[in-house]
């Protein structure tokens, strides 16, 4: 029982934030474990797409794959790779926004980076 308490208190972190981008409310849910990061981005609490990326000693680009959803939509994979490179952790990303515009996706990514700079202990 003490092991569970220590793990829950020190190695797991939950962080939620929201922002309005191009008039759309976007919610972010971050769960950080010791060597793993889970990020869910969306306007609604859905899990339509899920991708995973992790750094490899064999390549500078993190290894990634789509685990759930449309494999043609590479937004979750790209974001997971970016965050894996930045955090050096295994990263799971669920990106569930209808707006597929690359400029909008860049705004989402920049908002995540701002939050990472403001609260590095949450990532």
PDB file of N, CA and C in Angstrom:
ATOM      1  N   UNK A   1       0.822  -1.196   0.000  1.00  0.00           N
ATOM      2  CA  UNK A   1       0.000   0.000   0.000  1.00  0.00           C
ATOM      3  C   UNK A   1       0.865   1.258   0.000  1.00  0.00           C
ATOM      4  N   UNK A   2       1.963   1.259   0.739  1.00  0.00           N
ATOM      5  CA  UNK A   2       2.826   2.434   0.778  1.00  0.00           C
ATOM      6  C   UNK A   2       3.456   2.702  -0.584  1.00  0.00           C
ATOM      7  N   UNK A   3       3.789   1.610  -1.320  1.00  0.00           N
ATOM      8  CA  UNK A   3       4.368   1.772  -2.645  1.00  0.00           C
ATOM      9  C   UNK A   3       3.420   2.496  -3.582  1.00  0.00           C
ATOM     10  N   UNK A   4       2.132   2.170  -3.477  1.00  0.00           N
ATOM     11  CA  UNK A   4       1.135   2.847  -4.312  1.00  0.00           C
ATOM     12  C   UNK A   4       1.033   4.321  -3.963  1.00  0.00           C
ATOM     13  N   UNK A   5       1.066   4.610  -2.675  1.00  0.00           N
ATOM     14  CA  UNK A   5       0.969   5.997  -2.242  1.00  0.00           C
ATOM     15  C   UNK A   5       2.169   6.800  -2.743  1.00  0.00           C
ATOM     16  N   UNK A   6       3.353   6.233  -2.666  1.00  0.00           N
ATOM     17  CA  UNK A   6       4.556   6.933  -3.104  1.00  0.00           C
ATOM     18  C   UNK A   6       4.516   7.162  -4.609  1.00  0.00           C
ATOM     19  N   UNK A   7       4.065   6.163  -5.365  1.00  0.00           N
ATOM     20  CA  UNK A   7       3.992   6.303  -6.811  1.00  0.00           C
ATOM     21  C   UNK A   7       2.971   7.361  -7.196  1.00  0.00           C
ATOM     22  N   UNK A   8       1.800   7.303  -6.576  1.00  0.00           N
ATOM     23  CA  UNK A   8       0.742   8.253  -6.915  1.00  0.00           C
ATOM     24  C   UNK A   8       1.138   9.671  -6.526  1.00  0.00           C
ATOM     25  N   UNK A   9       1.885   9.819  -5.454  1.00  0.00           N
ATOM     26  CA  UNK A   9       2.241  11.148  -4.999  1.00  0.00           C
ATOM     27  C   UNK A   9       3.390  11.763  -5.767  1.00  0.00           C
ATOM     28  N   UNK A  10       4.348  10.956  -6.214  1.00  0.00           N
ATOM     29  CA  UNK A  10       5.540  11.544  -6.792  1.00  0.00           C
ATOM     30  C   UNK A  10       5.749  11.323  -8.272  1.00  0.00           C
ATOM     31  N   UNK A  11       5.250  10.210  -8.821  1.00  0.00           N
ATOM     32  CA  UNK A  11       5.586   9.876 -10.191  1.00  0.00           C
ATOM     33  C   UNK A  11       4.472  10.130 -11.195  1.00  0.00           C
ATOM     34  N   UNK A  12       3.296  10.505 -10.734  1.00  0.00           N
ATOM     35  CA  UNK A  12       2.169  10.757 -11.625  1.00  0.00           C
ATOM     36  C   UNK A  12       1.719  12.204 -11.456  1.00  0.00           C
ATOM     37  N   UNK A  13       1.514  12.867 -12.575  1.00  0.00           N
ATOM     38  CA  UNK A  13       1.053  14.248 -12.535  1.00  0.00           C
ATOM     39  C   UNK A  13      -0.049  14.429 -13.568  1.00  0.00           C
ATOM     40  N   UNK A  14      -1.126  15.084 -13.186  1.00  0.00           N
ATOM     41  CA  UNK A  14      -2.215  15.423 -14.098  1.00  0.00           C
ATOM     42  C   UNK A  14      -2.269  16.930 -14.245  1.00  0.00           C
ATOM     43  N   UNK A  15      -2.495  17.387 -15.472  1.00  0.00           N
ATOM     44  CA  UNK A  15      -2.523  18.819 -15.732  1.00  0.00           C
ATOM     45  C   UNK A  15      -3.531  19.077 -16.847  1.00  0.00           C
ATOM     46  N   UNK A  16      -4.467  19.971 -16.609  1.00  0.00           N
ATOM     47  CA  UNK A  16      -5.476  20.338 -17.601  1.00  0.00           C
ATOM     48  C   UNK A  16      -5.410  21.837 -17.853  1.00  0.00           C
ATOM     49  N   UNK A  17      -5.565  22.210 -19.105  1.00  0.00           N
ATOM     50  CA  UNK A  17      -5.660  23.625 -19.454  1.00  0.00           C
ATOM     51  C   UNK A  17      -6.476  23.758 -20.728  1.00  0.00           C
ATOM     52  N   UNK A  18      -6.998  24.929 -20.948  1.00  0.00           N
ATOM     53  CA  UNK A  18      -7.827  25.203 -22.125  1.00  0.00           C
ATOM     54  C   UNK A  18      -7.430  26.547 -22.708  1.00  0.00           C
ATOM     55  N   UNK A  19      -7.714  26.704 -23.976  1.00  0.00           N
ATOM     56  CA  UNK A  19      -7.459  27.973 -24.644  1.00  0.00           C
ATOM     57  C   UNK A  19      -8.419  28.111 -25.816  1.00  0.00           C
ATOM     58  N   UNK A  20      -8.591  29.328 -26.266  1.00  0.00           N
ATOM     59  CA  UNK A  20      -9.426  29.591 -27.427  1.00  0.00           C
ATOM     60  C   UNK A  20      -8.513  29.932 -28.602  1.00  0.00           C
ATOM     61  N   UNK A  21      -8.605  29.118 -29.662  1.00  0.00           N
ATOM     62  CA  UNK A  21      -7.806  29.330 -30.865  1.00  0.00           C
ATOM     63  C   UNK A  21      -8.740  29.488 -32.054  1.00  0.00           C
ATOM     64  N   UNK A  22      -8.595  30.574 -32.758  1.00  0.00           N
ATOM     65  CA  UNK A  22      -9.446  30.884 -33.905  1.00  0.00           C
ATOM     66  C   UNK A  22     -10.922  30.734 -33.547  1.00  0.00           C
ATOM     67  N   UNK A  23     -11.286  31.164 -32.331  1.00  0.00           N
ATOM     68  CA  UNK A  23     -12.673  31.121 -31.894  1.00  0.00           C
ATOM     69  C   UNK A  23     -13.145  29.766 -31.400  1.00  0.00           C
ATOM     70  N   UNK A  24     -12.279  28.763 -31.423  1.00  0.00           N
ATOM     71  CA  UNK A  24     -12.658  27.421 -30.976  1.00  0.00           C
ATOM     72  C   UNK A  24     -12.008  27.127 -29.627  1.00  0.00           C
ATOM     73  N   UNK A  25     -12.799  26.649 -28.679  1.00  0.00           N
ATOM     74  CA  UNK A  25     -12.274  26.273 -27.381  1.00  0.00           C
ATOM     75  C   UNK A  25     -11.585  24.918 -27.498  1.00  0.00           C
ATOM     76  N   UNK A  26     -10.313  24.868 -27.100  1.00  0.00           N
ATOM     77  CA  UNK A  26      -9.516  23.645 -27.189  1.00  0.00           C
ATOM     78  C   UNK A  26      -9.090  23.255 -25.778  1.00  0.00           C
ATOM     79  N   UNK A  27      -9.349  21.998 -25.424  1.00  0.00           N
ATOM     80  CA  UNK A  27      -8.987  21.478 -24.111  1.00  0.00           C
ATOM     81  C   UNK A  27      -7.752  20.587 -24.233  1.00  0.00           C
ATOM     82  N   UNK A  28      -6.884  20.660 -23.233  1.00  0.00           N
ATOM     83  CA  UNK A  28      -5.673  19.860 -23.189  1.00  0.00           C
ATOM     84  C   UNK A  28      -5.658  19.087 -21.867  1.00  0.00           C
ATOM     85  N   UNK A  29      -5.386  17.812 -21.944  1.00  0.00           N
ATOM     86  CA  UNK A  29      -5.275  16.972 -20.741  1.00  0.00           C
ATOM     87  C   UNK A  29      -3.915  16.276 -20.811  1.00  0.00           C
ATOM     88  N   UNK A  30      -3.090  16.503 -19.795  1.00  0.00           N
ATOM     89  CA  UNK A  30      -1.741  15.931 -19.758  1.00  0.00           C
ATOM     90  C   UNK A  30      -1.632  15.011 -18.555  1.00  0.00           C
ATOM     91  N   UNK A  31      -1.156  13.808 -18.803  1.00  0.00           N
ATOM     92  CA  UNK A  31      -0.844  12.882 -17.717  1.00  0.00           C
ATOM     93  C   UNK A  31       0.630  12.504 -17.875  1.00  0.00           C
ATOM     94  N   UNK A  32       1.421  12.859 -16.851  1.00  0.00           N
ATOM     95  CA  UNK A  32       2.848  12.560 -16.879  1.00  0.00           C
ATOM     96  C   UNK A  32       3.157  11.461 -15.881  1.00  0.00           C
ATOM     97  N   UNK A  33       3.807  10.432 -16.360  1.00  0.00           N
ATOM     98  CA  UNK A  33       4.346   9.397 -15.498  1.00  0.00           C
ATOM     99  C   UNK A  33       5.866   9.531 -15.555  1.00  0.00           C
ATOM    100  N   UNK A  34       6.565   8.676 -14.866  1.00  0.00           N
ATOM    101  CA  UNK A  34       8.015   8.817 -14.764  1.00  0.00           C
ATOM    102  C   UNK A  34       8.687   8.938 -16.141  1.00  0.00           C
ATOM    103  N   UNK A  35       8.441   8.004 -17.032  1.00  0.00           N
ATOM    104  CA  UNK A  35       9.085   8.006 -18.344  1.00  0.00           C
ATOM    105  C   UNK A  35       8.079   8.030 -19.483  1.00  0.00           C
ATOM    106  N   UNK A  36       6.883   8.539 -19.228  1.00  0.00           N
ATOM    107  CA  UNK A  36       5.827   8.495 -20.211  1.00  0.00           C
ATOM    108  C   UNK A  36       4.969   9.749 -20.114  1.00  0.00           C
ATOM    109  N   UNK A  37       4.478  10.195 -21.249  1.00  0.00           N
ATOM    110  CA  UNK A  37       3.608  11.369 -21.297  1.00  0.00           C
ATOM    111  C   UNK A  37       2.394  11.029 -22.154  1.00  0.00           C
ATOM    112  N   UNK A  38       1.207  11.338 -21.644  1.00  0.00           N
ATOM    113  CA  UNK A  38      -0.030  11.156 -22.400  1.00  0.00           C
ATOM    114  C   UNK A  38      -0.674  12.518 -22.553  1.00  0.00           C
ATOM    115  N   UNK A  39      -0.981  12.893 -23.780  1.00  0.00           N
ATOM    116  CA  UNK A  39      -1.600  14.189 -24.065  1.00  0.00           C
ATOM    117  C   UNK A  39      -2.835  13.977 -24.906  1.00  0.00           C
ATOM    118  N   UNK A  40      -3.936  14.549 -24.457  1.00  0.00           N
ATOM    119  CA  UNK A  40      -5.186  14.507 -25.200  1.00  0.00           C
ATOM    120  C   UNK A  40      -5.566  15.944 -25.541  1.00  0.00           C
ATOM    121  N   UNK A  41      -5.784  16.206 -26.818  1.00  0.00           N
ATOM    122  CA  UNK A  41      -6.141  17.538 -27.298  1.00  0.00           C
ATOM    123  C   UNK A  41      -7.472  17.427 -28.027  1.00  0.00           C
ATOM    124  N   UNK A  42      -8.432  18.275 -27.651  1.00  0.00           N
ATOM    125  CA  UNK A  42      -9.703  18.215 -28.353  1.00  0.00           C
ATOM    126  C   UNK A  42     -10.721  19.210 -27.843  1.00  0.00           C
ATOM    127  N   UNK A  43     -11.801  19.321 -28.583  1.00  0.00           N
ATOM    128  CA  UNK A  43     -12.896  20.192 -28.183  1.00  0.00           C
ATOM    129  C   UNK A  43     -13.887  19.414 -27.322  1.00  0.00           C
ATOM    130  N   UNK A  44     -13.870  18.099 -27.439  1.00  0.00           N
ATOM    131  CA  UNK A  44     -14.760  17.209 -26.691  1.00  0.00           C
ATOM    132  C   UNK A  44     -13.913  16.074 -26.120  1.00  0.00           C
ATOM    133  N   UNK A  45     -14.380  15.431 -25.071  1.00  0.00           N
ATOM    134  CA  UNK A  45     -13.612  14.329 -24.490  1.00  0.00           C
ATOM    135  C   UNK A  45     -13.762  13.026 -25.287  1.00  0.00           C
ATOM    136  N   UNK A  46     -13.159  12.986 -26.472  1.00  0.00           N
ATOM    137  CA  UNK A  46     -13.214  11.809 -27.335  1.00  0.00           C
ATOM    138  C   UNK A  46     -11.806  11.282 -27.537  1.00  0.00           C
ATOM    139  N   UNK A  47     -11.707  10.017 -27.873  1.00  0.00           N
ATOM    140  CA  UNK A  47     -10.429   9.398 -28.166  1.00  0.00           C
ATOM    141  C   UNK A  47     -10.531   8.749 -29.549  1.00  0.00           C
ATOM    142  N   UNK A  48     -10.554   9.588 -30.598  1.00  0.00           N
ATOM    143  CA  UNK A  48     -10.713   9.081 -31.955  1.00  0.00           C
ATOM    144  C   UNK A  48      -9.377   8.679 -32.569  1.00  0.00           C
ATOM    145  N   UNK A  49      -8.339   9.416 -32.288  1.00  0.00           N
ATOM    146  CA  UNK A  49      -7.011   9.122 -32.814  1.00  0.00           C
ATOM    147  C   UNK A  49      -6.043   8.983 -31.654  1.00  0.00           C
ATOM    148  N   UNK A  50      -5.140   8.027 -31.751  1.00  0.00           N
ATOM    149  CA  UNK A  50      -4.116   7.853 -30.731  1.00  0.00           C
ATOM    150  C   UNK A  50      -2.837   7.419 -31.413  1.00  0.00           C
ATOM    151  N   UNK A  51      -1.761   8.131 -31.126  1.00  0.00           N
ATOM    152  CA  UNK A  51      -0.457   7.807 -31.693  1.00  0.00           C
ATOM    153  C   UNK A  51       0.567   7.729 -30.582  1.00  0.00           C
ATOM    154  N   UNK A  52       1.654   7.005 -30.857  1.00  0.00           N
ATOM    155  CA  UNK A  52       2.727   6.855 -29.890  1.00  0.00           C
ATOM    156  C   UNK A  52       4.049   7.133 -30.600  1.00  0.00           C
ATOM    157  N   UNK A  53       4.959   7.802 -29.878  1.00  0.00           N
ATOM    158  CA  UNK A  53       6.309   8.037 -30.392  1.00  0.00           C
ATOM    159  C   UNK A  53       7.304   7.889 -29.247  1.00  0.00           C
ATOM    160  N   UNK A  54       8.469   7.401 -29.580  1.00  0.00           N
ATOM    161  CA  UNK A  54       9.530   7.263 -28.595  1.00  0.00           C
ATOM    162  C   UNK A  54      10.877   7.467 -29.280  1.00  0.00           C
ATOM    163  N   UNK A  55      11.819   8.006 -28.555  1.00  0.00           N
ATOM    164  CA  UNK A  55      13.151   8.250 -29.107  1.00  0.00           C
ATOM    165  C   UNK A  55      13.887   6.931 -29.281  1.00  0.00           C
ATOM    166  N   UNK A  56      14.770   6.921 -30.264  1.00  0.00           N
ATOM    167  CA  UNK A  56      15.557   5.732 -30.573  1.00  0.00           C
ATOM    168  C   UNK A  56      17.027   6.119 -30.689  1.00  0.00           C
ATOM    169  N   UNK A  57      17.897   5.237 -30.255  1.00  0.00           N
ATOM    170  CA  UNK A  57      19.327   5.517 -30.377  1.00  0.00           C
ATOM    171  C   UNK A  57      19.806   5.308 -31.812  1.00  0.00           C
ATOM    172  N   UNK A  58      18.961   4.783 -32.692  1.00  0.00           N
ATOM    173  CA  UNK A  58      19.338   4.496 -34.067  1.00  0.00           C
ATOM    174  C   UNK A  58      18.964   5.591 -35.059  1.00  0.00           C
ATOM    175  N   UNK A  59      18.161   6.554 -34.631  1.00  0.00           N
ATOM    176  CA  UNK A  59      17.700   7.594 -35.548  1.00  0.00           C
ATOM    177  C   UNK A  59      17.382   8.854 -34.755  1.00  0.00           C
ATOM    178  N   UNK A  60      17.597  10.008 -35.372  1.00  0.00           N
ATOM    179  CA  UNK A  60      17.300  11.276 -34.698  1.00  0.00           C
ATOM    180  C   UNK A  60      15.799  11.574 -34.681  1.00  0.00           C
ATOM    181  N   UNK A  61      15.050  10.940 -35.575  1.00  0.00           N
ATOM    182  CA  UNK A  61      13.597  11.110 -35.612  1.00  0.00           C
ATOM    183  C   UNK A  61      12.968  10.024 -34.743  1.00  0.00           C
ATOM    184  N   UNK A  62      12.130  10.388 -33.777  1.00  0.00           N
ATOM    185  CA  UNK A  62      11.498   9.382 -32.920  1.00  0.00           C
ATOM    186  C   UNK A  62      10.677   8.366 -33.720  1.00  0.00           C
ATOM    187  N   UNK A  63      10.717   7.130 -33.285  1.00  0.00           N
ATOM    188  CA  UNK A  63       9.916   6.064 -33.877  1.00  0.00           C
ATOM    189  C   UNK A  63       8.473   6.308 -33.479  1.00  0.00           C
ATOM    190  N   UNK A  64       7.548   6.152 -34.416  1.00  0.00           N
ATOM    191  CA  UNK A  64       6.150   6.457 -34.107  1.00  0.00           C
ATOM    192  C   UNK A  64       5.209   5.511 -34.828  1.00  0.00           C
ATOM    193  N   UNK A  65       4.000   5.434 -34.310  1.00  0.00           N
ATOM    194  CA  UNK A  65       2.965   4.623 -34.944  1.00  0.00           C
ATOM    195  C   UNK A  65       1.592   5.134 -34.531  1.00  0.00           C
ATOM    196  N   UNK A  66       0.632   4.866 -35.370  1.00  0.00           N
ATOM    197  CA  UNK A  66      -0.765   5.173 -35.059  1.00  0.00           C
ATOM    198  C   UNK A  66      -1.369   3.952 -34.388  1.00  0.00           C
ATOM    199  N   UNK A  67      -1.974   4.137 -33.240  1.00  0.00           N
ATOM    200  CA  UNK A  67      -2.550   3.035 -32.487  1.00  0.00           C
ATOM    201  C   UNK A  67      -4.050   2.919 -32.650  1.00  0.00           C
ATOM    202  N   UNK A  68      -4.702   4.046 -32.928  1.00  0.00           N
ATOM    203  CA  UNK A  68      -6.153   4.073 -32.990  1.00  0.00           C
ATOM    204  C   UNK A  68      -6.579   5.178 -33.941  1.00  0.00           C
ATOM    205  N   UNK A  69      -7.581   4.897 -34.749  1.00  0.00           N
ATOM    206  CA  UNK A  69      -8.144   5.930 -35.610  1.00  0.00           C
ATOM    207  C   UNK A  69      -7.652   5.860 -37.037  1.00  0.00           C
ATOM    208  N   UNK A  70      -7.864   6.942 -37.758  1.00  0.00           N
ATOM    209  CA  UNK A  70      -7.536   7.049 -39.168  1.00  0.00           C
ATOM    210  C   UNK A  70      -6.020   7.161 -39.354  1.00  0.00           C
ATOM    211  N   UNK A  71      -5.419   6.201 -40.023  1.00  0.00           N
ATOM    212  CA  UNK A  71      -3.967   6.216 -40.230  1.00  0.00           C
ATOM    213  C   UNK A  71      -3.538   7.287 -41.234  1.00  0.00           C
ATOM    214  N   UNK A  72      -4.468   7.822 -41.991  1.00  0.00           N
ATOM    215  CA  UNK A  72      -4.148   8.899 -42.937  1.00  0.00           C
ATOM    216  C   UNK A  72      -3.956  10.235 -42.228  1.00  0.00           C
ATOM    217  N   UNK A  73      -4.544  10.382 -41.053  1.00  0.00           N
ATOM    218  CA  UNK A  73      -4.406  11.611 -40.270  1.00  0.00           C
ATOM    219  C   UNK A  73      -3.134  11.502 -39.435  1.00  0.00           C
ATOM    220  N   UNK A  74      -2.100  12.229 -39.850  1.00  0.00           N
ATOM    221  CA  UNK A  74      -0.790  12.121 -39.198  1.00  0.00           C
ATOM    222  C   UNK A  74      -0.555  13.209 -38.149  1.00  0.00           C
ATOM    223  N   UNK A  75      -1.570  13.967 -37.808  1.00  0.00           N
ATOM    224  CA  UNK A  75      -1.409  15.051 -36.842  1.00  0.00           C
ATOM    225  C   UNK A  75      -0.969  14.527 -35.482  1.00  0.00           C
ATOM    226  N   UNK A  76      -1.620  13.477 -35.000  1.00  0.00           N
ATOM    227  CA  UNK A  76      -1.258  12.900 -33.701  1.00  0.00           C
ATOM    228  C   UNK A  76       0.172  12.373 -33.721  1.00  0.00           C
ATOM    229  N   UNK A  77       0.556  11.734 -34.817  1.00  0.00           N
ATOM    230  CA  UNK A  77       1.915  11.186 -34.932  1.00  0.00           C
ATOM    231  C   UNK A  77       2.943  12.303 -34.921  1.00  0.00           C
ATOM    232  N   UNK A  78       2.711  13.348 -35.694  1.00  0.00           N
ATOM    233  CA  UNK A  78       3.657  14.470 -35.751  1.00  0.00           C
ATOM    234  C   UNK A  78       3.823  15.155 -34.408  1.00  0.00           C
ATOM    235  N   UNK A  79       2.727  15.350 -33.706  1.00  0.00           N
ATOM    236  CA  UNK A  79       2.778  15.972 -32.394  1.00  0.00           C
ATOM    237  C   UNK A  79       3.474  15.061 -31.381  1.00  0.00           C
ATOM    238  N   UNK A  80       3.213  13.766 -31.456  1.00  0.00           N
ATOM    239  CA  UNK A  80       3.866  12.809 -30.560  1.00  0.00           C
ATOM    240  C   UNK A  80       5.376  12.792 -30.801  1.00  0.00           C
ATOM    241  N   UNK A  81       5.792  12.828 -32.063  1.00  0.00           N
ATOM    242  CA  UNK A  81       7.225  12.855 -32.379  1.00  0.00           C
ATOM    243  C   UNK A  81       7.888  14.116 -31.839  1.00  0.00           C
ATOM    244  N   UNK A  82       7.239  15.244 -32.032  1.00  0.00           N
ATOM    245  CA  UNK A  82       7.777  16.519 -31.550  1.00  0.00           C
ATOM    246  C   UNK A  82       7.952  16.492 -30.029  1.00  0.00           C
ATOM    247  N   UNK A  83       6.936  16.013 -29.331  1.00  0.00           N
ATOM    248  CA  UNK A  83       6.999  15.977 -27.863  1.00  0.00           C
ATOM    249  C   UNK A  83       7.976  14.924 -27.356  1.00  0.00           C
ATOM    250  N   UNK A  84       8.093  13.805 -28.058  1.00  0.00           N
ATOM    251  CA  UNK A  84       9.061  12.776 -27.659  1.00  0.00           C
ATOM    252  C   UNK A  84      10.478  13.323 -27.772  1.00  0.00           C
ATOM    253  N   UNK A  85      10.737  14.042 -28.846  1.00  0.00           N
ATOM    254  CA  UNK A  85      12.057  14.645 -29.043  1.00  0.00           C
ATOM    255  C   UNK A  85      12.342  15.677 -27.951  1.00  0.00           C
ATOM    256  N   UNK A  86      11.340  16.461 -27.606  1.00  0.00           N
ATOM    257  CA  UNK A  86      11.514  17.531 -26.627  1.00  0.00           C
ATOM    258  C   UNK A  86      11.635  17.004 -25.191  1.00  0.00           C
ATOM    259  N   UNK A  87      10.888  15.960 -24.844  1.00  0.00           N
ATOM    260  CA  UNK A  87      10.875  15.455 -23.471  1.00  0.00           C
ATOM    261  C   UNK A  87      11.764  14.231 -23.256  1.00  0.00           C
ATOM    262  N   UNK A  88      12.173  13.585 -24.355  1.00  0.00           N
ATOM    263  CA  UNK A  88      12.942  12.343 -24.297  1.00  0.00           C
ATOM    264  C   UNK A  88      12.171  11.251 -23.529  1.00  0.00           C
ATOM    265  N   UNK A  89      10.857  11.225 -23.730  1.00  0.00           N
ATOM    266  CA  UNK A  89       9.975  10.232 -23.105  1.00  0.00           C
ATOM    267  C   UNK A  89       9.171   9.540 -24.189  1.00  0.00           C
ATOM    268  N   UNK A  90       8.583   8.419 -23.819  1.00  0.00           N
ATOM    269  CA  UNK A  90       7.598   7.800 -24.681  1.00  0.00           C
ATOM    270  C   UNK A  90       6.342   8.660 -24.574  1.00  0.00           C
ATOM    271  N   UNK A  91       5.772   9.047 -25.710  1.00  0.00           N
ATOM    272  CA  UNK A  91       4.653   9.988 -25.717  1.00  0.00           C
ATOM    273  C   UNK A  91       3.468   9.390 -26.477  1.00  0.00           C
ATOM    274  N   UNK A  92       2.308   9.475 -25.852  1.00  0.00           N
ATOM    275  CA  UNK A  92       1.044   9.093 -26.482  1.00  0.00           C
ATOM    276  C   UNK A  92       0.245  10.372 -26.698  1.00  0.00           C
ATOM    277  N   UNK A  93      -0.254  10.570 -27.905  1.00  0.00           N
ATOM    278  CA  UNK A  93      -1.027  11.775 -28.215  1.00  0.00           C
ATOM    279  C   UNK A  93      -2.341  11.383 -28.875  1.00  0.00           C
ATOM    280  N   UNK A  94      -3.404  11.963 -28.373  1.00  0.00           N
ATOM    281  CA  UNK A  94      -4.710  11.846 -28.992  1.00  0.00           C
ATOM    282  C   UNK A  94      -5.120  13.254 -29.422  1.00  0.00           C
ATOM    283  N   UNK A  95      -5.117  13.502 -30.713  1.00  0.00           N
ATOM    284  CA  UNK A  95      -5.462  14.813 -31.270  1.00  0.00           C
ATOM    285  C   UNK A  95      -6.834  14.676 -31.911  1.00  0.00           C
ATOM    286  N   UNK A  96      -7.833  15.326 -31.336  1.00  0.00           N
ATOM    287  CA  UNK A  96      -9.217  15.140 -31.759  1.00  0.00           C
ATOM    288  C   UNK A  96      -9.880  16.468 -32.096  1.00  0.00           C
ATOM    289  N   UNK A  97      -9.325  17.169 -33.051  1.00  0.00           N
ATOM    290  CA  UNK A  97      -9.911  18.421 -33.508  1.00  0.00           C
ATOM    291  C   UNK A  97     -10.241  18.293 -34.990  1.00  0.00           C
ATOM    292  N   UNK A  98     -11.378  18.842 -35.380  1.00  0.00           N
ATOM    293  CA  UNK A  98     -11.818  18.748 -36.772  1.00  0.00           C
ATOM    294  C   UNK A  98     -10.991  19.623 -37.705  1.00  0.00           C
ATOM    295  N   UNK A  99     -10.482  20.734 -37.173  1.00  0.00           N
ATOM    296  CA  UNK A  99      -9.721  21.663 -37.993  1.00  0.00           C
ATOM    297  C   UNK A  99      -8.366  21.052 -38.343  1.00  0.00           C
ATOM    298  N   UNK A 100      -8.161  20.724 -39.622  1.00  0.00           N
ATOM    299  CA  UNK A 100      -6.929  20.080 -40.070  1.00  0.00           C
ATOM    300  C   UNK A 100      -5.955  21.073 -40.698  1.00  0.00           C
ATOM    301  N   UNK A 101      -6.262  22.356 -40.626  1.00  0.00           N
ATOM    302  CA  UNK A 101      -5.392  23.380 -41.196  1.00  0.00           C
ATOM    303  C   UNK A 101      -4.035  23.359 -40.494  1.00  0.00           C
ATOM    304  N   UNK A 102      -2.962  23.372 -41.259  1.00  0.00           N
ATOM    305  CA  UNK A 102      -1.617  23.280 -40.677  1.00  0.00           C
ATOM    306  C   UNK A 102      -1.290  24.491 -39.800  1.00  0.00           C
ATOM    307  N   UNK A 103      -1.838  25.650 -40.117  1.00  0.00           N
ATOM    308  CA  UNK A 103      -1.617  26.832 -39.276  1.00  0.00           C
ATOM    309  C   UNK A 103      -2.301  26.679 -37.921  1.00  0.00           C
ATOM    310  N   UNK A 104      -3.478  26.070 -37.916  1.00  0.00           N
ATOM    311  CA  UNK A 104      -4.190  25.826 -36.668  1.00  0.00           C
ATOM    312  C   UNK A 104      -3.424  24.810 -35.817  1.00  0.00           C
ATOM    313  N   UNK A 105      -2.931  23.762 -36.455  1.00  0.00           N
ATOM    314  CA  UNK A 105      -2.147  22.749 -35.750  1.00  0.00           C
ATOM    315  C   UNK A 105      -0.888  23.361 -35.153  1.00  0.00           C
ATOM    316  N   UNK A 106      -0.281  24.280 -35.866  1.00  0.00           N
ATOM    317  CA  UNK A 106       0.900  24.976 -35.359  1.00  0.00           C
ATOM    318  C   UNK A 106       0.553  25.816 -34.134  1.00  0.00           C
ATOM    319  N   UNK A 107      -0.616  26.465 -34.129  1.00  0.00           N
ATOM    320  CA  UNK A 107      -1.068  27.213 -32.956  1.00  0.00           C
ATOM    321  C   UNK A 107      -1.247  26.288 -31.751  1.00  0.00           C
ATOM    322  N   UNK A 108      -1.813  25.105 -31.984  1.00  0.00           N
ATOM    323  CA  UNK A 108      -1.996  24.122 -30.916  1.00  0.00           C
ATOM    324  C   UNK A 108      -0.638  23.706 -30.364  1.00  0.00           C
ATOM    325  N   UNK A 109       0.290  23.403 -31.258  1.00  0.00           N
ATOM    326  CA  UNK A 109       1.634  22.993 -30.847  1.00  0.00           C
ATOM    327  C   UNK A 109       2.341  24.101 -30.069  1.00  0.00           C
ATOM    328  N   UNK A 110       2.219  25.328 -30.516  1.00  0.00           N
ATOM    329  CA  UNK A 110       2.836  26.455 -29.805  1.00  0.00           C
ATOM    330  C   UNK A 110       2.217  26.651 -28.423  1.00  0.00           C
ATOM    331  N   UNK A 111       0.902  26.413 -28.312  1.00  0.00           N
ATOM    332  CA  UNK A 111       0.256  26.548 -26.998  1.00  0.00           C
ATOM    333  C   UNK A 111       0.769  25.485 -26.036  1.00  0.00           C
ATOM    334  N   UNK A 112       0.998  24.286 -26.541  1.00  0.00           N
ATOM    335  CA  UNK A 112       1.557  23.214 -25.710  1.00  0.00           C
ATOM    336  C   UNK A 112       2.974  23.586 -25.265  1.00  0.00           C
ATOM    337  N   UNK A 113       3.772  24.124 -26.170  1.00  0.00           N
ATOM    338  CA  UNK A 113       5.147  24.532 -25.824  1.00  0.00           C
ATOM    339  C   UNK A 113       5.139  25.640 -24.775  1.00  0.00           C
ATOM    340  N   UNK A 114       4.212  26.582 -24.883  1.00  0.00           N
ATOM    341  CA  UNK A 114       4.089  27.646 -23.871  1.00  0.00           C
ATOM    342  C   UNK A 114       3.795  27.047 -22.499  1.00  0.00           C
ATOM    343  N   UNK A 115       2.896  26.076 -22.478  1.00  0.00           N
ATOM    344  CA  UNK A 115       2.525  25.438 -21.210  1.00  0.00           C
ATOM    345  C   UNK A 115       3.706  24.636 -20.648  1.00  0.00           C
ATOM    346  N   UNK A 116       4.473  24.024 -21.531  1.00  0.00           N
ATOM    347  CA  UNK A 116       5.653  23.270 -21.096  1.00  0.00           C
ATOM    348  C   UNK A 116       6.698  24.191 -20.466  1.00  0.00           C
ATOM    349  N   UNK A 117       6.833  25.380 -21.018  1.00  0.00           N
ATOM    350  CA  UNK A 117       7.779  26.348 -20.457  1.00  0.00           C
ATOM    351  C   UNK A 117       7.288  26.893 -19.119  1.00  0.00           C
ATOM    352  N   UNK A 118       5.992  27.104 -18.996  1.00  0.00           N
ATOM    353  CA  UNK A 118       5.416  27.646 -17.770  1.00  0.00           C
ATOM    354  C   UNK A 118       5.364  26.607 -16.643  1.00  0.00           C
ATOM    355  N   UNK A 119       5.109  25.348 -17.006  1.00  0.00           N
ATOM    356  CA  UNK A 119       4.969  24.272 -16.013  1.00  0.00           C
ATOM    357  C   UNK A 119       5.792  23.053 -16.423  1.00  0.00           C
ATOM    358  N   UNK A 120       7.118  23.145 -16.421  1.00  0.00           N
ATOM    359  CA  UNK A 120       7.945  22.014 -16.882  1.00  0.00           C
ATOM    360  C   UNK A 120       7.767  20.755 -16.028  1.00  0.00           C
ATOM    361  N   UNK A 121       7.428  20.909 -14.768  1.00  0.00           N
ATOM    362  CA  UNK A 121       7.243  19.745 -13.896  1.00  0.00           C
ATOM    363  C   UNK A 121       6.009  18.930 -14.263  1.00  0.00           C
ATOM    364  N   UNK A 122       5.110  19.487 -15.057  1.00  0.00           N
ATOM    365  CA  UNK A 122       3.900  18.789 -15.469  1.00  0.00           C
ATOM    366  C   UNK A 122       4.113  17.955 -16.727  1.00  0.00           C
ATOM    367  N   UNK A 123       5.278  18.127 -17.361  1.00  0.00           N
ATOM    368  CA  UNK A 123       5.574  17.416 -18.590  1.00  0.00           C
ATOM    369  C   UNK A 123       6.804  16.544 -18.415  1.00  0.00           C
TER     370      UNK A 123
END
